[in-house]
Amino acid sequence: MPHVLIVGDDSNTREALAALRSGPAITVPLGTPLSVAARELILRTLEHCGGERKRTAEMLGICTKTLYNRLREYGINTRQAARAEQIASDIAGRANVSGTLDSQPG
């Protein structure tokens, strides 16, 4: 499970950090604008989840609508991305053993 690095010096923070050390993490330098840090966290989590938006939203603790809104703000059209993934999958499925595409009706 991916985690976020928490900065602080109280006992709760130390406990949280100890729990976080067991999985993948991202590091955001102090002074990074929150919007930049949030974007990085969302995009890295989406990548970690293999593009599965529902799983990404669950992992981040946000609703899928919020995730879709953020992705749209970042210029990532989820419908286009899903369609591109489907096209790539279809093309790969039509490739024959020699690595060339089977002929398609025009």
N, C-alpha and C. Protein backbone atom coordinates (compact mmCIF):
# COMPACT_ATOMS: atom_id res chain seq x y z
N MET A 1 0.85 -1.17 0.00
CA MET A 1 0.00 0.00 0.00
C MET A 1 0.89 1.23 0.00
N PRO A 2 0.67 2.22 -0.90
CA PRO A 2 1.48 3.42 -0.92
C PRO A 2 1.15 4.30 0.28
N HIS A 3 2.09 5.12 0.65
CA HIS A 3 1.92 5.97 1.82
C HIS A 3 2.43 7.36 1.55
N VAL A 4 2.06 8.27 2.42
CA VAL A 4 2.51 9.65 2.36
C VAL A 4 3.45 9.88 3.54
N LEU A 5 4.54 10.56 3.32
CA LEU A 5 5.47 10.88 4.39
C LEU A 5 4.90 12.03 5.22
N ILE A 6 4.82 11.80 6.53
CA ILE A 6 4.27 12.79 7.45
C ILE A 6 5.43 13.44 8.19
N VAL A 7 5.41 14.76 8.31
CA VAL A 7 6.47 15.47 8.99
C VAL A 7 5.93 16.00 10.31
N GLY A 8 6.67 15.77 11.38
CA GLY A 8 6.27 16.25 12.68
C GLY A 8 7.19 15.68 13.74
N ASP A 9 6.95 16.05 14.99
CA ASP A 9 7.84 15.59 16.04
C ASP A 9 7.08 15.14 17.28
N ASP A 10 5.81 14.77 17.13
CA ASP A 10 5.09 14.29 18.30
C ASP A 10 5.00 12.76 18.25
N SER A 11 4.49 12.15 19.30
CA SER A 11 4.45 10.69 19.37
C SER A 11 3.51 10.10 18.32
N ASN A 12 2.41 10.78 18.00
CA ASN A 12 1.50 10.28 16.97
C ASN A 12 2.19 10.25 15.61
N THR A 13 2.96 11.28 15.32
CA THR A 13 3.67 11.33 14.04
C THR A 13 4.71 10.22 13.97
N ARG A 14 5.45 10.00 15.05
CA ARG A 14 6.46 8.94 15.06
C ARG A 14 5.82 7.57 14.85
N GLU A 15 4.66 7.34 15.46
CA GLU A 15 3.95 6.08 15.27
C GLU A 15 3.48 5.94 13.82
N ALA A 16 2.96 7.02 13.26
CA ALA A 16 2.50 6.99 11.87
C ALA A 16 3.66 6.71 10.93
N LEU A 17 4.80 7.34 11.18
CA LEU A 17 5.97 7.12 10.34
C LEU A 17 6.44 5.67 10.42
N ALA A 18 6.42 5.10 11.60
CA ALA A 18 6.84 3.70 11.76
C ALA A 18 5.93 2.78 10.97
N ALA A 19 4.64 3.05 10.96
CA ALA A 19 3.69 2.23 10.20
C ALA A 19 3.89 2.40 8.70
N LEU A 20 4.31 3.58 8.29
CA LEU A 20 4.45 3.87 6.86
C LEU A 20 5.71 3.28 6.24
N ARG A 21 6.70 2.99 7.00
CA ARG A 21 7.98 2.54 6.47
C ARG A 21 7.90 1.19 5.75
N SER A 22 6.80 0.48 5.89
CA SER A 22 6.70 -0.87 5.35
C SER A 22 6.28 -0.93 3.89
N GLY A 23 5.92 0.17 3.24
CA GLY A 23 5.44 0.11 1.86
C GLY A 23 5.99 1.23 1.01
N PRO A 24 5.57 1.26 -0.28
CA PRO A 24 6.02 2.32 -1.19
C PRO A 24 5.61 3.69 -0.66
N ALA A 25 6.41 4.70 -0.96
CA ALA A 25 6.14 6.04 -0.48
C ALA A 25 6.62 7.07 -1.48
N ILE A 26 6.11 8.27 -1.36
CA ILE A 26 6.64 9.40 -2.13
C ILE A 26 7.16 10.41 -1.11
N THR A 27 8.12 11.19 -1.52
CA THR A 27 8.67 12.23 -0.67
C THR A 27 8.41 13.56 -1.34
N VAL A 28 7.88 14.48 -0.57
CA VAL A 28 7.60 15.82 -1.08
C VAL A 28 8.43 16.80 -0.24
N PRO A 29 9.31 17.57 -0.88
CA PRO A 29 10.14 18.51 -0.13
C PRO A 29 9.30 19.54 0.61
N LEU A 30 9.75 19.94 1.80
CA LEU A 30 9.09 21.01 2.54
C LEU A 30 9.06 22.25 1.67
N GLY A 31 7.95 22.96 1.72
CA GLY A 31 7.80 24.16 0.92
C GLY A 31 7.13 23.92 -0.42
N THR A 32 6.89 22.66 -0.75
CA THR A 32 6.19 22.34 -1.99
C THR A 32 4.74 22.80 -1.85
N PRO A 33 4.20 23.51 -2.83
CA PRO A 33 2.80 23.92 -2.74
C PRO A 33 1.89 22.69 -2.58
N LEU A 34 0.88 22.82 -1.76
CA LEU A 34 -0.03 21.71 -1.49
C LEU A 34 -0.65 21.17 -2.77
N SER A 35 -0.98 22.05 -3.71
CA SER A 35 -1.59 21.61 -4.96
C SER A 35 -0.64 20.71 -5.75
N VAL A 36 0.65 21.01 -5.71
CA VAL A 36 1.65 20.20 -6.41
C VAL A 36 1.81 18.84 -5.71
N ALA A 37 1.85 18.87 -4.37
CA ALA A 37 1.98 17.63 -3.60
C ALA A 37 0.76 16.73 -3.81
N ALA A 38 -0.43 17.32 -3.81
CA ALA A 38 -1.66 16.54 -4.01
C ALA A 38 -1.68 15.92 -5.40
N ARG A 39 -1.27 16.69 -6.40
CA ARG A 39 -1.23 16.18 -7.78
C ARG A 39 -0.28 14.99 -7.87
N GLU A 40 0.89 15.13 -7.29
CA GLU A 40 1.89 14.05 -7.32
C GLU A 40 1.34 12.80 -6.63
N LEU A 41 0.71 12.98 -5.48
CA LEU A 41 0.16 11.85 -4.74
C LEU A 41 -0.93 11.15 -5.55
N ILE A 42 -1.82 11.92 -6.15
CA ILE A 42 -2.90 11.33 -6.94
C ILE A 42 -2.34 10.58 -8.14
N LEU A 43 -1.43 11.20 -8.88
CA LEU A 43 -0.91 10.56 -10.09
C LEU A 43 -0.08 9.32 -9.77
N ARG A 44 0.73 9.39 -8.71
CA ARG A 44 1.53 8.22 -8.32
C ARG A 44 0.64 7.08 -7.83
N THR A 45 -0.42 7.41 -7.10
CA THR A 45 -1.34 6.37 -6.63
C THR A 45 -2.08 5.76 -7.80
N LEU A 46 -2.49 6.57 -8.75
CA LEU A 46 -3.16 6.06 -9.96
C LEU A 46 -2.23 5.11 -10.71
N GLU A 47 -0.97 5.49 -10.83
CA GLU A 47 0.02 4.62 -11.48
C GLU A 47 0.18 3.32 -10.70
N HIS A 48 0.29 3.43 -9.38
CA HIS A 48 0.44 2.24 -8.53
C HIS A 48 -0.75 1.30 -8.68
N CYS A 49 -1.93 1.85 -8.89
CA CYS A 49 -3.15 1.06 -9.02
C CYS A 49 -3.39 0.60 -10.46
N GLY A 50 -2.41 0.79 -11.32
CA GLY A 50 -2.55 0.35 -12.71
C GLY A 50 -3.64 1.07 -13.48
N GLY A 51 -3.91 2.32 -13.09
CA GLY A 51 -4.91 3.10 -13.79
C GLY A 51 -6.34 2.85 -13.31
N GLU A 52 -6.50 1.99 -12.33
CA GLU A 52 -7.84 1.69 -11.81
C GLU A 52 -8.31 2.86 -10.95
N ARG A 53 -9.21 3.64 -11.49
CA ARG A 53 -9.62 4.87 -10.83
C ARG A 53 -10.40 4.62 -9.54
N LYS A 54 -11.27 3.62 -9.52
CA LYS A 54 -12.04 3.33 -8.31
C LYS A 54 -11.11 2.93 -7.17
N ARG A 55 -10.16 2.05 -7.47
CA ARG A 55 -9.20 1.61 -6.45
C ARG A 55 -8.34 2.78 -5.98
N THR A 56 -7.95 3.63 -6.92
CA THR A 56 -7.15 4.81 -6.57
C THR A 56 -7.90 5.70 -5.60
N ALA A 57 -9.17 5.98 -5.90
CA ALA A 57 -9.98 6.83 -5.04
C ALA A 57 -10.12 6.22 -3.65
N GLU A 58 -10.36 4.91 -3.60
CA GLU A 58 -10.49 4.23 -2.30
C GLU A 58 -9.19 4.34 -1.50
N MET A 59 -8.07 4.13 -2.18
CA MET A 59 -6.78 4.18 -1.51
C MET A 59 -6.49 5.58 -0.97
N LEU A 60 -6.93 6.60 -1.68
CA LEU A 60 -6.70 7.97 -1.27
C LEU A 60 -7.74 8.47 -0.27
N GLY A 61 -8.82 7.71 -0.10
CA GLY A 61 -9.87 8.12 0.82
C GLY A 61 -10.73 9.24 0.27
N ILE A 62 -10.89 9.29 -1.06
CA ILE A 62 -11.74 10.30 -1.68
C ILE A 62 -12.77 9.59 -2.55
N CYS A 63 -13.84 10.28 -2.90
CA CYS A 63 -14.84 9.65 -3.77
C CYS A 63 -14.34 9.69 -5.21
N THR A 64 -14.86 8.80 -6.03
CA THR A 64 -14.41 8.72 -7.43
C THR A 64 -14.70 10.02 -8.17
N LYS A 65 -15.79 10.70 -7.84
CA LYS A 65 -16.13 11.97 -8.49
C LYS A 65 -15.02 12.99 -8.24
N THR A 66 -14.52 13.04 -7.03
CA THR A 66 -13.42 13.96 -6.70
C THR A 66 -12.18 13.60 -7.50
N LEU A 67 -11.88 12.30 -7.60
CA LEU A 67 -10.73 11.88 -8.39
C LEU A 67 -10.88 12.30 -9.84
N TYR A 68 -12.06 12.04 -10.43
CA TYR A 68 -12.28 12.42 -11.82
C TYR A 68 -12.15 13.93 -12.00
N ASN A 69 -12.67 14.71 -11.05
CA ASN A 69 -12.55 16.17 -11.13
C ASN A 69 -11.09 16.60 -11.09
N ARG A 70 -10.31 16.00 -10.20
CA ARG A 70 -8.88 16.35 -10.11
C ARG A 70 -8.15 15.97 -11.39
N LEU A 71 -8.42 14.79 -11.92
CA LEU A 71 -7.75 14.36 -13.15
C LEU A 71 -8.10 15.31 -14.30
N ARG A 72 -9.35 15.76 -14.34
CA ARG A 72 -9.75 16.71 -15.37
C ARG A 72 -8.99 18.03 -15.19
N GLU A 73 -8.83 18.48 -13.93
CA GLU A 73 -8.05 19.70 -13.65
C GLU A 73 -6.61 19.56 -14.13
N TYR A 74 -6.07 18.34 -14.05
CA TYR A 74 -4.69 18.10 -14.46
C TYR A 74 -4.57 17.89 -15.97
N GLY A 75 -5.70 17.97 -16.68
CA GLY A 75 -5.68 17.79 -18.12
C GLY A 75 -5.65 16.34 -18.55
N ILE A 76 -6.06 15.46 -17.65
CA ILE A 76 -6.09 14.04 -17.97
C ILE A 76 -7.54 13.66 -18.20
N ASN A 77 -7.89 13.44 -19.46
CA ASN A 77 -9.26 13.07 -19.81
C ASN A 77 -9.42 11.58 -19.57
N THR A 78 -10.19 11.22 -18.56
CA THR A 78 -10.31 9.80 -18.18
C THR A 78 -10.98 8.99 -19.26
N ARG A 79 -11.93 9.56 -19.98
CA ARG A 79 -12.58 8.80 -21.05
C ARG A 79 -11.59 8.52 -22.18
N GLN A 80 -10.80 9.53 -22.55
CA GLN A 80 -9.80 9.34 -23.59
C GLN A 80 -8.76 8.32 -23.15
N ALA A 81 -8.33 8.39 -21.89
CA ALA A 81 -7.33 7.46 -21.39
C ALA A 81 -7.88 6.04 -21.40
N ALA A 82 -9.12 5.85 -20.97
CA ALA A 82 -9.73 4.53 -20.98
C ALA A 82 -9.87 4.02 -22.40
N ARG A 83 -10.27 4.89 -23.32
CA ARG A 83 -10.42 4.50 -24.73
C ARG A 83 -9.05 4.14 -25.33
N ALA A 84 -8.01 4.89 -25.01
CA ALA A 84 -6.67 4.60 -25.51
C ALA A 84 -6.19 3.24 -25.00
N GLU A 85 -6.48 2.96 -23.72
CA GLU A 85 -6.10 1.66 -23.16
C GLU A 85 -6.83 0.53 -23.89
N GLN A 86 -8.12 0.74 -24.19
CA GLN A 86 -8.90 -0.28 -24.90
C GLN A 86 -8.37 -0.49 -26.31
N ILE A 87 -8.04 0.58 -27.01
CA ILE A 87 -7.51 0.47 -28.37
C ILE A 87 -6.18 -0.28 -28.35
N ALA A 88 -5.31 0.07 -27.42
CA ALA A 88 -4.02 -0.62 -27.32
C ALA A 88 -4.22 -2.10 -27.05
N SER A 89 -5.17 -2.41 -26.19
CA SER A 89 -5.47 -3.81 -25.88
C SER A 89 -6.00 -4.55 -27.11
N ASP A 90 -6.90 -3.88 -27.85
CA ASP A 90 -7.46 -4.50 -29.06
C ASP A 90 -6.37 -4.75 -30.10
N ILE A 91 -5.47 -3.79 -30.27
CA ILE A 91 -4.39 -3.94 -31.25
C ILE A 91 -3.48 -5.09 -30.83
N ALA A 92 -3.14 -5.15 -29.57
CA ALA A 92 -2.29 -6.24 -29.08
C ALA A 92 -2.97 -7.59 -29.28
N GLY A 93 -4.28 -7.62 -29.09
CA GLY A 93 -5.02 -8.87 -29.27
C GLY A 93 -5.08 -9.33 -30.71
N ARG A 94 -5.01 -8.39 -31.66
CA ARG A 94 -5.05 -8.75 -33.08
C ARG A 94 -3.69 -9.11 -33.65
N ALA A 95 -2.64 -8.81 -32.92
CA ALA A 95 -1.30 -9.12 -33.41
C ALA A 95 -1.15 -10.64 -33.48
N ASN A 96 -0.60 -11.13 -34.58
CA ASN A 96 -0.41 -12.58 -34.68
C ASN A 96 0.96 -12.96 -34.13
N VAL A 97 1.30 -14.23 -34.21
CA VAL A 97 2.53 -14.75 -33.60
C VAL A 97 3.77 -14.07 -34.16
N SER A 98 3.79 -13.71 -35.42
CA SER A 98 4.97 -13.09 -36.01
C SER A 98 5.14 -11.64 -35.60
N GLY A 99 4.16 -11.10 -34.89
CA GLY A 99 4.27 -9.72 -34.43
C GLY A 99 3.66 -8.72 -35.38
N THR A 100 3.05 -9.17 -36.47
CA THR A 100 2.39 -8.24 -37.38
C THR A 100 0.90 -8.28 -37.13
N LEU A 101 0.24 -7.23 -37.53
CA LEU A 101 -1.22 -7.17 -37.34
C LEU A 101 -1.91 -7.98 -38.40
N ASP A 102 -2.97 -8.67 -37.99
CA ASP A 102 -3.81 -9.36 -38.96
C ASP A 102 -4.49 -8.31 -39.82
N SER A 103 -4.78 -8.68 -41.06
CA SER A 103 -5.44 -7.70 -41.94
C SER A 103 -6.84 -7.42 -41.42
N GLN A 104 -7.22 -6.15 -41.50
CA GLN A 104 -8.52 -5.71 -41.04
C GLN A 104 -9.32 -5.21 -42.25
N PRO A 105 -10.61 -5.49 -42.26
CA PRO A 105 -11.42 -4.95 -43.36
C PRO A 105 -11.40 -3.43 -43.33
N GLY A 106 -11.28 -2.80 -44.51
CA GLY A 106 -11.13 -1.35 -44.58
C GLY A 106 -12.41 -0.67 -44.56
